[in-house]
Each structure stands twice: as C-alpha cells, then as structure tokens.
Amino acid sequence: MTKKLYRSNDRVIAGVCSGFAEYMDFDPVAVRLGYAALTLLTCFSGVIFYIVAWIIMPEKNKVL
C-alpha cells in the first residue's frame, strides 16, 4: 500500500505541516517548529511554500 500526502484534519491553519508529519511519521509539533525556524531563517520564503502546498495538497477526508 502506498502512502499519499494529504492535508491533515489535525490542523492549526490549513493542515499542511501536520499532513507532512503524518506522511513522514513525525510529531506534528516538531514539524511545525521546524517549519517556523526555517521560515524565519529564510526571510519568510516558507510562507510562499506553505501557500503553494495549501493549494496543491488535497484534504484528507474531503466529501465530494
């Protein structure tokens, strides 16, 4: 069975960081802290990455 990357229902803003955490079997808090640190260290270019990921990643249990 293959794993797919989805935005998580355990979300703070859009579920992108927790979706990555579920995909990689990491703690969501650790992924969020790492994302925040990288965003601050890269002059907020992580915000653009987050918005793009928000648009591209499908929701986990989206009802159509």
N, C-alpha and C. Protein backbone atom coordinates (compact mmCIF):
# COMPACT_ATOMS: atom_id res chain seq x y z
N MET A 1 0.84 -1.18 0.00
CA MET A 1 0.00 0.00 0.00
C MET A 1 0.89 1.25 0.00
N THR A 2 0.60 2.18 -0.87
CA THR A 2 1.39 3.38 -0.95
C THR A 2 0.79 4.48 -0.09
N LYS A 3 1.67 5.28 0.47
CA LYS A 3 1.22 6.41 1.27
C LYS A 3 1.02 7.61 0.35
N LYS A 4 0.01 8.40 0.64
CA LYS A 4 -0.23 9.62 -0.11
C LYS A 4 -0.18 10.80 0.83
N LEU A 5 0.23 11.91 0.30
CA LEU A 5 0.36 13.14 1.07
C LEU A 5 -0.94 13.92 1.01
N TYR A 6 -1.56 14.11 2.17
CA TYR A 6 -2.80 14.86 2.29
C TYR A 6 -2.66 15.91 3.38
N ARG A 7 -3.48 16.97 3.28
CA ARG A 7 -3.59 17.91 4.40
C ARG A 7 -4.36 17.22 5.51
N SER A 8 -3.90 17.36 6.71
CA SER A 8 -4.48 16.65 7.85
C SER A 8 -5.71 17.37 8.39
N ASN A 9 -6.54 16.60 9.08
CA ASN A 9 -7.68 17.18 9.79
C ASN A 9 -7.24 17.77 11.13
N ASP A 10 -6.05 17.38 11.61
CA ASP A 10 -5.47 17.93 12.83
C ASP A 10 -4.71 19.19 12.43
N ARG A 11 -5.44 20.27 12.26
CA ARG A 11 -4.84 21.46 11.67
C ARG A 11 -4.81 22.64 12.62
N VAL A 12 -3.85 23.51 12.39
CA VAL A 12 -3.79 24.80 13.07
C VAL A 12 -4.27 25.87 12.09
N ILE A 13 -3.71 25.87 10.89
CA ILE A 13 -4.17 26.81 9.86
C ILE A 13 -4.83 26.03 8.72
N ALA A 14 -4.03 25.25 7.99
CA ALA A 14 -4.59 24.53 6.84
C ALA A 14 -4.30 23.04 6.88
N GLY A 15 -3.49 22.58 7.82
CA GLY A 15 -3.18 21.17 7.93
C GLY A 15 -1.99 20.72 7.12
N VAL A 16 -1.21 21.66 6.58
CA VAL A 16 -0.07 21.32 5.75
C VAL A 16 1.04 20.67 6.59
N CYS A 17 1.45 21.30 7.66
CA CYS A 17 2.53 20.76 8.49
C CYS A 17 2.14 19.43 9.13
N SER A 18 0.93 19.32 9.62
CA SER A 18 0.52 18.06 10.22
C SER A 18 0.33 16.98 9.15
N GLY A 19 0.00 17.37 7.93
CA GLY A 19 -0.07 16.41 6.83
C GLY A 19 1.30 15.85 6.51
N PHE A 20 2.33 16.73 6.46
CA PHE A 20 3.70 16.27 6.27
C PHE A 20 4.13 15.38 7.44
N ALA A 21 3.74 15.73 8.64
CA ALA A 21 4.11 14.93 9.82
C ALA A 21 3.49 13.54 9.75
N GLU A 22 2.23 13.44 9.37
CA GLU A 22 1.59 12.13 9.23
C GLU A 22 2.26 11.31 8.13
N TYR A 23 2.62 11.94 7.04
CA TYR A 23 3.25 11.25 5.92
C TYR A 23 4.62 10.70 6.31
N MET A 24 5.38 11.46 7.09
CA MET A 24 6.73 11.07 7.46
C MET A 24 6.80 10.40 8.84
N ASP A 25 5.65 10.19 9.49
CA ASP A 25 5.59 9.59 10.83
C ASP A 25 6.41 10.37 11.86
N PHE A 26 6.26 11.69 11.86
CA PHE A 26 6.90 12.57 12.82
C PHE A 26 5.84 13.19 13.72
N ASP A 27 6.30 13.83 14.77
CA ASP A 27 5.41 14.57 15.66
C ASP A 27 5.00 15.88 14.96
N PRO A 28 3.71 16.19 14.88
CA PRO A 28 3.29 17.43 14.21
C PRO A 28 3.87 18.69 14.83
N VAL A 29 4.05 18.70 16.14
CA VAL A 29 4.62 19.87 16.80
C VAL A 29 6.07 20.09 16.35
N ALA A 30 6.82 19.01 16.20
CA ALA A 30 8.21 19.12 15.74
C ALA A 30 8.27 19.65 14.31
N VAL A 31 7.36 19.20 13.46
CA VAL A 31 7.35 19.68 12.08
C VAL A 31 6.97 21.16 12.04
N ARG A 32 6.00 21.56 12.86
CA ARG A 32 5.59 22.97 12.90
C ARG A 32 6.73 23.86 13.40
N LEU A 33 7.44 23.40 14.44
CA LEU A 33 8.58 24.18 14.96
C LEU A 33 9.70 24.26 13.93
N GLY A 34 9.97 23.16 13.25
CA GLY A 34 10.99 23.17 12.20
C GLY A 34 10.61 24.09 11.06
N TYR A 35 9.34 24.06 10.67
CA TYR A 35 8.87 24.95 9.62
C TYR A 35 9.01 26.41 10.04
N ALA A 36 8.63 26.72 11.28
CA ALA A 36 8.73 28.10 11.76
C ALA A 36 10.19 28.56 11.78
N ALA A 37 11.09 27.70 12.22
CA ALA A 37 12.51 28.06 12.27
C ALA A 37 13.05 28.29 10.85
N LEU A 38 12.73 27.40 9.94
CA LEU A 38 13.20 27.58 8.56
C LEU A 38 12.60 28.81 7.90
N THR A 39 11.36 29.12 8.21
CA THR A 39 10.74 30.31 7.64
C THR A 39 11.43 31.57 8.14
N LEU A 40 11.75 31.60 9.42
CA LEU A 40 12.45 32.77 9.96
C LEU A 40 13.87 32.89 9.41
N LEU A 41 14.53 31.76 9.22
CA LEU A 41 15.92 31.79 8.73
C LEU A 41 16.03 32.06 7.24
N THR A 42 14.95 31.89 6.49
CA THR A 42 14.99 32.10 5.05
C THR A 42 14.21 33.35 4.64
N CYS A 43 14.13 34.30 5.52
CA CYS A 43 13.46 35.58 5.23
C CYS A 43 12.02 35.39 4.78
N PHE A 44 11.30 34.49 5.48
CA PHE A 44 9.88 34.26 5.28
C PHE A 44 9.51 33.67 3.91
N SER A 45 10.47 33.03 3.23
CA SER A 45 10.11 32.37 1.97
C SER A 45 9.29 31.11 2.23
N GLY A 46 9.29 30.61 3.45
CA GLY A 46 8.48 29.46 3.80
C GLY A 46 6.99 29.75 3.71
N VAL A 47 6.63 31.01 3.82
CA VAL A 47 5.21 31.39 3.70
C VAL A 47 4.71 31.09 2.29
N ILE A 48 5.53 31.36 1.30
CA ILE A 48 5.17 31.06 -0.09
C ILE A 48 5.03 29.56 -0.28
N PHE A 49 5.97 28.79 0.29
CA PHE A 49 5.89 27.33 0.22
C PHE A 49 4.61 26.83 0.87
N TYR A 50 4.25 27.37 2.01
CA TYR A 50 3.04 26.94 2.72
C TYR A 50 1.79 27.21 1.89
N ILE A 51 1.70 28.37 1.29
CA ILE A 51 0.54 28.71 0.48
C ILE A 51 0.43 27.80 -0.74
N VAL A 52 1.56 27.53 -1.39
CA VAL A 52 1.55 26.64 -2.55
C VAL A 52 1.15 25.22 -2.13
N ALA A 53 1.70 24.75 -1.00
CA ALA A 53 1.34 23.41 -0.51
C ALA A 53 -0.13 23.36 -0.14
N TRP A 54 -0.66 24.42 0.43
CA TRP A 54 -2.08 24.51 0.80
C TRP A 54 -2.96 24.34 -0.44
N ILE A 55 -2.54 24.95 -1.54
CA ILE A 55 -3.32 24.89 -2.78
C ILE A 55 -3.19 23.51 -3.43
N ILE A 56 -2.00 22.94 -3.43
CA ILE A 56 -1.73 21.69 -4.16
C ILE A 56 -2.18 20.45 -3.40
N MET A 57 -1.96 20.40 -2.09
CA MET A 57 -2.27 19.19 -1.32
C MET A 57 -3.78 19.04 -1.13
N PRO A 58 -4.32 17.85 -1.46
CA PRO A 58 -5.76 17.64 -1.24
C PRO A 58 -6.05 17.41 0.23
N GLU A 59 -7.30 17.66 0.62
CA GLU A 59 -7.72 17.40 2.00
C GLU A 59 -7.84 15.89 2.21
N LYS A 60 -7.68 15.46 3.46
CA LYS A 60 -7.64 14.03 3.74
C LYS A 60 -8.97 13.34 3.50
N ASN A 61 -10.01 13.73 4.15
CA ASN A 61 -11.31 13.08 4.01
C ASN A 61 -12.34 14.03 3.44
N LYS A 62 -12.02 14.57 2.29
CA LYS A 62 -12.92 15.56 1.68
C LYS A 62 -14.13 14.85 1.08
N VAL A 63 -15.29 15.31 1.42
CA VAL A 63 -16.51 14.76 0.88
C VAL A 63 -16.85 15.51 -0.39
N LEU A 64 -17.02 14.76 -1.47
CA LEU A 64 -17.31 15.41 -2.76
C LEU A 64 -18.79 15.53 -3.00
